Amino acid sequence: MNVGKRIHVLSFGGLFFILCSIIVSAQTGSEAAKSGAQTVAAERDGQHDFDWMAGTWKEHTKVRVHSSTGPDTWIEFDGTGIAHKIWEGRAMLDESEADTPNGHVEGLMLYTYGPQARQWYVYFASGKDGKLGLPNVGQFKDGHGEFYVQDTLNGKFLLNRYIWSATTSASPHYEESWSSDGGRTWELVRIVDFARISGDIESGHPIPTRLGETSPKSAEQSDGVSGQHDFDFELGSWKIHLKRRLNPLTGSDKWVEFDGTSVTRKLWDGRSQIEQFETDGTGGHIEGLTLRLYNPQSHQWRLYWANSKNGILDPPQVGEFKDGKGEFYAQDVINGKAILIRFIWSKTDTSVPHFEQSFSDDGGKTWEVNWITDQTRVSDGTASNGPGPWN
């Protein structure tokens, strides 16, 4: 009997405790839900933060010149820039060129958006060497964009910062700075002020011709030896059929297939290209881009690929063409293991170029093909900057 009462009392007490716990948990859960909602709301979708950039611009640039004999000075020059959307604005390509006191310069900046991190990756390349640097990474807040990277300057690791401001005005402003003390202080090294020449480049409108695009070729350009026009065959619009091996380097022989389109246009009078790529099939939807950059010093190409799912460019494939066949190599990591990757281009003198990607996990002794693309030309883009529209 006493035991029964004890059980009854404990049960009532336990029930009371449980009810209190439920109430507290409900309140806590409600607060957590509110907090979670606030967090989600705070993580704004910035995939169109660079839409304002689309169009043609005059650019006034100031660059700091360091002097070992006296105070630093600045040089100033004017140039032009053209920016257009890729992936409907989730990536942007900005080409610029100018005549400076030190000669003619060409450059490009590729902006790609990472939808998971909700950040932008900003890549820069110069026409002098055809190399992309490490990306500055960041985002916009209240119309103000800040992008950072750790890089090397004169053999020393420093922080580099890009800042965009006044982006909703007719004269956006850009600054680049370096820091040698972990970001406590910054030294401004480049300032660019923009003035719009033409409006946004919308879908359905062709990309305007760049300055110097139709200029006569130099002796190096026309001799056919340097290789800087080896990818001219890719210019234009294509229908593509893609096969991709699932689970490469596992013994799997299961493939998925896709059909889609690609559009390639030239930059830097053919010494660079941008390709926009989109397919659908049994393996889902693939939307990507390839940036091809030519190094006039090594006479080699660097091929950079990015998928719209993460917006990050893979390590470049580096190589060249010989007797109409292009081979390009890189080292990367798959499933935590370092491997070699090989791109091969063939049939480039036909209307049906052929591309294969292979992996090797034994240092190149054997290769397993995991990606095959066959193309059929839709239009010829060699007569101009390339086909439109780009959106």
Protein backbone atom coordinates (compact mmCIF):
# COMPACT_ATOMS: atom_id res chain seq x y z
CA MET A 1 0.00 0.00 0.00
CA ASN A 2 2.73 2.42 0.91
CA VAL A 3 4.54 1.36 -2.18
CA GLY A 4 1.47 2.07 -4.23
CA LYS A 5 1.10 5.54 -2.75
CA ARG A 6 4.75 6.19 -3.35
CA ILE A 7 4.39 5.18 -6.94
CA HIS A 8 1.30 7.38 -7.29
CA VAL A 9 3.05 10.40 -5.79
CA LEU A 10 6.14 9.87 -7.92
CA SER A 11 4.00 9.47 -10.99
CA PHE A 12 2.20 12.72 -10.27
CA GLY A 13 5.49 14.46 -9.63
CA GLY A 14 6.96 12.97 -12.76
CA LEU A 15 3.94 14.05 -14.75
CA PHE A 16 4.23 17.56 -13.34
CA PHE A 17 7.91 17.62 -14.27
CA ILE A 18 7.16 16.39 -17.77
CA LEU A 19 4.45 19.01 -18.28
CA CYS A 20 6.81 21.73 -17.13
CA SER A 21 9.48 20.39 -19.44
CA ILE A 22 7.07 20.41 -22.36
CA ILE A 23 6.12 24.02 -21.66
CA VAL A 24 9.76 25.10 -21.34
CA SER A 25 10.72 23.11 -24.43
CA ALA A 26 7.88 24.67 -26.40
CA GLN A 27 8.99 28.13 -25.34
CA THR A 28 12.62 27.32 -26.09
CA GLY A 29 11.66 25.77 -29.41
CA SER A 30 9.61 28.84 -30.28
CA GLU A 31 12.52 31.10 -29.45
CA ALA A 32 14.89 28.87 -31.41
CA ALA A 33 12.51 28.93 -34.37
CA LYS A 34 12.39 32.72 -34.19
CA SER A 35 16.19 32.83 -33.94
CA GLY A 36 16.50 30.43 -36.85
CA ALA A 37 14.10 32.51 -38.92
CA GLN A 38 16.11 35.62 -38.12
CA THR A 39 19.32 33.80 -39.14
CA VAL A 40 17.80 32.68 -42.43
CA ALA A 41 16.52 36.19 -43.04
CA ALA A 42 19.98 37.58 -42.28
CA GLU A 43 21.58 35.31 -44.86
CA ARG A 44 20.41 37.28 -47.88
CA ASP A 45 20.62 35.87 -51.38
CA GLY A 46 23.23 37.96 -53.17
CA GLN A 47 23.25 36.22 -56.53
CA HIS A 48 22.32 39.44 -58.37
CA ASP A 49 24.62 41.81 -56.47
CA PHE A 50 26.71 42.46 -59.59
CA ASP A 51 23.83 42.95 -62.06
CA TRP A 52 24.53 46.68 -62.04
CA MET A 53 27.89 46.01 -63.69
CA ALA A 54 26.46 44.74 -67.00
CA GLY A 55 27.19 47.23 -69.77
CA THR A 56 30.01 49.37 -71.16
CA TRP A 57 32.08 51.74 -69.04
CA LYS A 58 34.73 54.42 -69.12
CA GLU A 59 37.27 53.73 -66.38
CA HIS A 60 39.59 56.25 -64.75
CA THR A 61 42.34 54.43 -62.83
CA LYS A 62 44.93 55.62 -60.31
CA VAL A 63 47.77 53.25 -59.32
CA ARG A 64 50.26 53.83 -56.53
CA VAL A 65 53.90 53.55 -57.59
CA HIS A 66 56.29 52.78 -54.77
CA SER A 67 59.63 54.58 -54.79
CA SER A 68 62.79 53.66 -52.87
CA THR A 69 64.23 57.16 -53.27
CA GLY A 70 61.31 59.33 -52.27
CA PRO A 71 57.60 59.55 -51.55
CA ASP A 72 55.19 57.29 -53.35
CA THR A 73 53.55 58.71 -56.46
CA TRP A 74 50.43 57.84 -58.42
CA ILE A 75 49.98 57.31 -62.14
CA GLU A 76 46.63 57.88 -63.82
CA PHE A 77 45.11 56.64 -67.07
CA ASP A 78 41.79 56.11 -68.78
CA GLY A 79 40.42 52.93 -70.29
CA THR A 80 37.25 51.06 -71.18
CA GLY A 81 35.46 48.06 -69.74
CA ILE A 82 32.69 45.75 -70.90
CA ALA A 83 30.80 43.47 -68.51
CA HIS A 84 28.13 40.91 -69.27
CA LYS A 85 26.10 38.36 -67.35
CA ILE A 86 26.66 34.61 -67.26
CA TRP A 87 24.25 32.14 -65.62
CA GLU A 88 21.57 34.87 -65.66
CA GLY A 89 23.69 37.08 -63.41
CA ARG A 90 25.11 34.46 -61.04
CA ALA A 91 28.42 35.07 -62.77
CA MET A 92 29.83 38.15 -64.48
CA LEU A 93 32.73 38.68 -66.87
CA ASP A 94 34.34 42.12 -66.95
CA GLU A 95 36.91 42.87 -69.68
CA SER A 96 39.02 46.01 -69.51
CA GLU A 97 41.86 47.61 -71.42
CA ALA A 98 43.77 50.87 -71.27
CA ASP A 99 46.79 52.74 -72.57
CA THR A 100 48.98 53.50 -69.57
CA PRO A 101 52.28 55.37 -69.17
CA ASN A 102 53.88 51.89 -69.20
CA GLY A 103 52.11 50.67 -72.35
CA HIS A 104 48.87 48.96 -73.33
CA VAL A 105 47.29 46.63 -70.76
CA GLU A 106 44.42 44.15 -70.94
CA GLY A 107 42.74 42.40 -68.07
CA LEU A 108 39.59 40.60 -67.04
CA MET A 109 37.74 39.89 -63.83
CA LEU A 110 35.48 36.87 -63.50
CA TYR A 111 32.87 37.01 -60.73
CA THR A 112 31.19 33.73 -59.73
CA TYR A 113 28.54 33.27 -57.06
CA GLY A 114 28.53 30.39 -54.57
CA PRO A 115 24.85 29.75 -53.71
CA GLN A 116 25.69 27.63 -50.66
CA ALA A 117 28.11 30.06 -49.03
CA ARG A 118 26.20 33.03 -50.49
CA GLN A 119 29.52 34.62 -51.32
CA TRP A 120 31.17 35.89 -54.48
CA TYR A 121 34.55 34.72 -55.81
CA VAL A 122 36.42 37.43 -57.73
CA TYR A 123 39.18 36.23 -60.08
CA PHE A 124 41.59 38.50 -61.97
CA ALA A 125 43.78 37.72 -64.99
CA SER A 126 46.21 39.85 -66.98
CA GLY A 127 46.75 39.52 -70.70
CA LYS A 128 50.50 39.43 -70.07
CA ASP A 129 50.61 35.92 -68.62
CA GLY A 130 47.10 34.47 -68.94
CA LYS A 131 46.96 33.33 -65.30
CA LEU A 132 44.14 33.67 -62.82
CA GLY A 133 45.17 34.68 -59.34
CA LEU A 134 43.63 33.41 -56.12
CA PRO A 135 40.05 34.66 -55.74
CA ASN A 136 39.06 37.45 -53.42
CA VAL A 137 36.03 36.17 -51.51
CA GLY A 138 33.24 38.15 -49.88
CA GLN A 139 29.78 39.66 -50.20
CA PHE A 140 27.75 42.85 -50.24
CA LYS A 141 26.11 44.45 -47.23
CA ASP A 142 23.97 47.57 -47.63
CA GLY A 143 25.37 48.18 -51.11
CA HIS A 144 28.98 47.95 -49.94
CA GLY A 145 31.05 44.98 -51.14
CA GLU A 146 34.24 43.71 -49.46
CA PHE A 147 36.33 40.81 -50.80
CA TYR A 148 39.50 39.39 -49.24
CA VAL A 149 42.32 36.95 -50.04
CA GLN A 150 45.71 36.08 -48.61
CA ASP A 151 48.25 36.47 -51.38
CA THR A 152 51.94 37.05 -51.98
CA LEU A 153 53.53 40.38 -52.87
CA ASN A 154 57.29 40.56 -53.44
CA GLY A 155 57.66 37.15 -51.77
CA LYS A 156 55.75 38.17 -48.63
CA PHE A 157 52.32 36.91 -47.52
CA LEU A 158 49.87 39.80 -47.21
CA LEU A 159 46.12 40.35 -47.15
CA ASN A 160 44.51 41.83 -50.24
CA ARG A 161 41.15 43.61 -50.18
CA TYR A 162 38.73 44.76 -52.89
CA ILE A 163 36.00 47.26 -51.99
CA TRP A 164 33.04 48.20 -54.19
CA SER A 165 30.87 51.19 -53.30
CA ALA A 166 28.34 53.54 -54.92
CA THR A 167 27.13 50.60 -57.01
CA THR A 168 23.60 51.96 -57.31
CA SER A 169 24.85 55.24 -58.82
CA ALA A 170 25.99 56.12 -62.34
CA SER A 171 29.61 56.24 -61.12
CA PRO A 172 30.56 53.11 -59.11
CA HIS A 173 33.82 53.23 -57.16
CA TYR A 174 36.46 50.51 -56.67
CA GLU A 175 39.48 50.34 -54.36
CA GLU A 176 42.22 47.75 -53.85
CA SER A 177 44.39 47.69 -50.73
CA TRP A 178 47.11 45.56 -49.09
CA SER A 179 47.68 44.86 -45.39
CA SER A 180 50.86 43.51 -43.78
CA ASP A 181 49.50 43.45 -40.20
CA GLY A 182 46.53 41.13 -40.44
CA GLY A 183 44.05 43.79 -41.50
CA ARG A 184 44.66 46.36 -38.75
CA THR A 185 45.87 48.89 -41.31
CA TRP A 186 45.52 49.02 -45.09
CA GLU A 187 47.53 50.70 -47.83
CA LEU A 188 45.49 51.81 -50.80
CA VAL A 189 47.16 50.86 -54.11
CA ARG A 190 44.49 51.18 -56.81
CA ILE A 191 41.40 53.33 -57.35
CA VAL A 192 38.98 53.03 -60.26
CA ASP A 193 36.05 55.34 -60.95
CA PHE A 194 33.47 54.28 -63.54
CA ALA A 195 31.19 56.21 -65.86
CA ARG A 196 28.58 54.30 -67.85
CA ILE A 197 28.77 54.50 -71.63
CA SER A 198 25.83 52.24 -72.45
CA GLY A 199 23.03 50.57 -70.54
CA ASP A 200 22.78 47.02 -69.30
CA ILE A 201 23.51 44.26 -71.75
CA GLU A 202 20.24 42.36 -71.63
CA SER A 203 19.40 38.96 -73.03
CA GLY A 204 18.97 39.13 -76.78
CA HIS A 205 21.50 41.90 -77.37
CA PRO A 206 24.94 41.07 -78.81
CA ILE A 207 28.10 41.83 -76.90
CA PRO A 208 29.68 45.07 -78.16
CA THR A 209 33.01 44.86 -79.96
CA ARG A 210 36.01 45.61 -77.78
CA LEU A 211 38.60 48.19 -78.60
CA GLY A 212 41.36 46.69 -80.74
CA GLU A 213 39.31 43.58 -81.52
CA THR A 214 39.66 44.06 -85.25
CA SER A 215 43.22 45.42 -85.19
CA PRO A 216 45.78 43.82 -87.56
CA LYS A 217 47.52 40.78 -86.14
CA SER A 218 51.14 41.09 -85.13
CA ALA A 219 53.83 38.88 -86.64
CA GLU A 220 53.53 36.51 -83.67
CA GLN A 221 49.77 36.35 -84.03
CA SER A 222 49.84 35.59 -87.74
CA ASP A 223 52.68 33.10 -87.93
CA GLY A 224 50.51 30.25 -86.63
CA VAL A 225 53.33 29.04 -84.34
CA SER A 226 52.56 30.72 -81.04
CA GLY A 227 49.34 28.80 -80.47
CA GLN A 228 47.24 31.70 -79.26
CA HIS A 229 44.53 30.92 -81.82
CA ASP A 230 44.43 27.18 -81.21
CA PHE A 231 40.95 27.39 -79.69
CA ASP A 232 39.42 29.49 -82.47
CA PHE A 233 37.59 26.36 -83.62
CA GLU A 234 35.43 26.62 -80.46
CA LEU A 235 34.01 30.06 -81.27
CA GLY A 236 30.29 30.02 -81.91
CA SER A 237 27.23 28.08 -80.77
CA TRP A 238 27.04 24.30 -80.46
CA LYS A 239 24.73 21.44 -79.71
CA ILE A 240 26.49 19.05 -77.35
CA HIS A 241 26.03 15.44 -76.32
CA LEU A 242 27.69 14.50 -73.05
CA LYS A 243 28.43 11.17 -71.37
CA ARG A 244 29.66 11.12 -67.76
CA ARG A 245 30.86 8.08 -65.80
CA LEU A 246 29.37 7.76 -62.33
CA ASN A 247 31.77 7.05 -59.44
CA PRO A 248 35.06 7.21 -61.38
CA LEU A 249 38.08 5.20 -60.21
CA THR A 250 35.87 2.71 -58.37
CA GLY A 251 35.50 0.10 -61.08
CA SER A 252 32.07 1.42 -61.99
CA ASP A 253 31.05 1.35 -65.66
CA LYS A 254 27.72 3.14 -65.19
CA TRP A 255 27.26 6.23 -67.35
CA VAL A 256 24.68 9.02 -67.57
CA GLU A 257 24.01 11.08 -70.70
CA PHE A 258 23.06 14.71 -71.32
CA ASP A 259 22.13 16.94 -74.23
CA GLY A 260 22.45 20.68 -74.30
CA THR A 261 24.13 23.73 -75.78
CA SER A 262 27.30 25.76 -75.40
CA VAL A 263 28.30 29.21 -76.58
CA THR A 264 31.92 30.39 -76.86
CA ARG A 265 33.14 33.92 -77.53
CA LYS A 266 36.65 35.28 -77.74
CA LEU A 267 38.42 37.74 -75.45
CA TRP A 268 41.71 39.57 -75.97
CA ASP A 269 41.46 39.04 -79.76
CA GLY A 270 41.43 35.26 -79.30
CA ARG A 271 44.08 34.90 -76.60
CA SER A 272 41.30 34.11 -74.18
CA GLN A 273 37.81 32.61 -74.41
CA ILE A 274 34.74 32.22 -72.27
CA GLU A 275 32.36 29.31 -72.83
CA GLN A 276 28.90 29.03 -71.30
CA PHE A 277 27.66 25.46 -71.01
CA GLU A 278 24.24 24.01 -70.12
CA THR A 279 22.85 20.46 -70.37
CA ASP A 280 20.02 18.27 -69.07
CA GLY A 281 19.80 14.49 -68.92
CA THR A 282 19.48 11.38 -66.81
CA GLY A 283 22.14 12.76 -64.47
CA GLY A 284 20.26 16.02 -63.84
CA HIS A 285 21.09 19.57 -64.85
CA ILE A 286 24.64 20.86 -65.44
CA GLU A 287 25.34 24.56 -65.90
CA GLY A 288 28.95 25.63 -66.11
CA LEU A 289 31.54 27.82 -67.72
CA THR A 290 35.06 27.39 -69.03
CA LEU A 291 37.57 30.24 -69.10
CA ARG A 292 40.55 29.63 -71.42
CA LEU A 293 43.61 31.85 -71.01
CA TYR A 294 46.71 31.88 -73.22
CA ASN A 295 50.19 32.56 -71.80
CA PRO A 296 52.24 34.25 -74.56
CA GLN A 297 55.47 33.53 -72.66
CA SER A 298 55.10 29.75 -72.30
CA HIS A 299 52.81 29.36 -75.36
CA GLN A 300 50.47 27.28 -73.21
CA TRP A 301 46.80 27.46 -72.37
CA ARG A 302 45.15 27.34 -68.95
CA LEU A 303 41.61 25.95 -68.88
CA TYR A 304 39.48 26.85 -65.85
CA TRP A 305 36.10 25.15 -65.21
CA ALA A 306 33.36 26.22 -62.79
CA ASN A 307 30.00 24.66 -62.00
CA SER A 308 27.14 26.98 -61.06
CA LYS A 309 26.37 24.78 -58.02
CA ASN A 310 29.33 26.18 -56.08
CA GLY A 311 30.77 28.94 -58.29
CA ILE A 312 34.38 27.91 -57.58
CA LEU A 313 36.90 27.48 -60.39
CA ASP A 314 38.78 24.19 -60.39
CA PRO A 315 42.60 24.15 -60.64
CA PRO A 316 43.53 24.90 -64.26
CA GLN A 317 44.36 22.28 -66.84
CA VAL A 318 47.61 23.39 -68.52
CA GLY A 319 48.86 22.32 -71.93
CA GLU A 320 48.97 22.99 -75.65
CA PHE A 321 48.13 21.67 -79.10
CA LYS A 322 50.42 19.58 -81.28
CA ASP A 323 49.40 18.41 -84.75
CA GLY A 324 45.79 19.38 -84.10
CA LYS A 325 45.51 17.46 -80.82
CA GLY A 326 45.35 19.29 -77.50
CA GLU A 327 46.46 17.75 -74.20
CA PHE A 328 46.04 19.51 -70.86
CA TYR A 329 46.92 18.26 -67.37
CA ALA A 330 46.31 19.14 -63.72
CA GLN A 331 46.56 17.58 -60.27
CA ASP A 332 43.44 17.53 -58.11
CA VAL A 333 41.81 15.58 -55.29
CA ILE A 334 38.91 13.11 -55.53
CA ASN A 335 37.52 11.29 -52.49
CA GLY A 336 40.44 12.65 -50.48
CA LYS A 337 43.05 11.20 -52.83
CA ALA A 338 45.41 13.14 -55.08
CA ILE A 339 44.95 12.24 -58.75
CA LEU A 340 45.98 13.48 -62.18
CA ILE A 341 43.40 14.85 -64.63
CA ARG A 342 43.82 14.95 -68.40
CA PHE A 343 41.81 16.82 -71.04
CA ILE A 344 42.15 15.77 -74.69
CA TRP A 345 40.74 17.74 -77.63
CA SER A 346 40.65 16.09 -81.07
CA LYS A 347 38.87 16.54 -84.44
CA THR A 348 39.29 20.28 -83.98
CA ASP A 349 39.53 20.84 -87.75
CA THR A 350 36.03 19.40 -88.27
CA SER A 351 32.49 20.53 -87.48
CA VAL A 352 32.26 17.84 -84.77
CA PRO A 353 35.10 18.42 -82.24
CA HIS A 354 35.60 15.71 -79.63
CA PHE A 355 36.56 16.14 -75.95
CA GLU A 356 37.52 13.59 -73.29
CA GLN A 357 38.39 13.90 -69.61
CA SER A 358 40.30 11.14 -67.83
CA PHE A 359 41.55 10.47 -64.29
CA SER A 360 44.70 8.62 -63.21
CA ASP A 361 45.46 7.46 -59.67
CA ASP A 362 48.80 5.83 -60.55
CA GLY A 363 50.82 8.83 -61.72
CA GLY A 364 49.70 8.66 -65.34
CA LYS A 365 50.52 4.99 -66.00
CA THR A 366 46.86 4.28 -66.75
CA TRP A 367 43.91 6.55 -67.46
CA GLU A 368 40.16 6.05 -67.02
CA VAL A 369 37.88 8.15 -69.24
CA ASN A 370 34.98 9.65 -67.27
CA TRP A 371 33.63 12.48 -69.44
CA ILE A 372 33.04 12.54 -73.21
CA THR A 373 31.59 15.47 -75.16
CA ASP A 374 30.73 15.55 -78.86
CA GLN A 375 29.72 18.83 -80.46
CA THR A 376 27.78 19.84 -83.56
CA ARG A 377 28.05 23.41 -84.77
CA VAL A 378 24.94 25.59 -84.72
CA SER A 379 26.51 28.88 -85.82
CA ASP A 380 29.93 30.25 -86.70
CA GLY A 381 31.21 32.81 -84.21
CA THR A 382 34.59 33.49 -85.81
CA ALA A 383 33.48 36.60 -87.67
CA SER A 384 32.90 38.64 -84.53
CA ASN A 385 33.32 38.64 -80.81
CA GLY A 386 31.09 35.61 -80.66
CA PRO A 387 27.38 34.95 -80.76
CA GLY A 388 24.73 36.54 -78.63
CA PRO A 389 22.84 36.49 -76.49
CA TRP A 390 24.75 36.21 -73.26
CA ASN A 391 22.59 36.53 -70.20
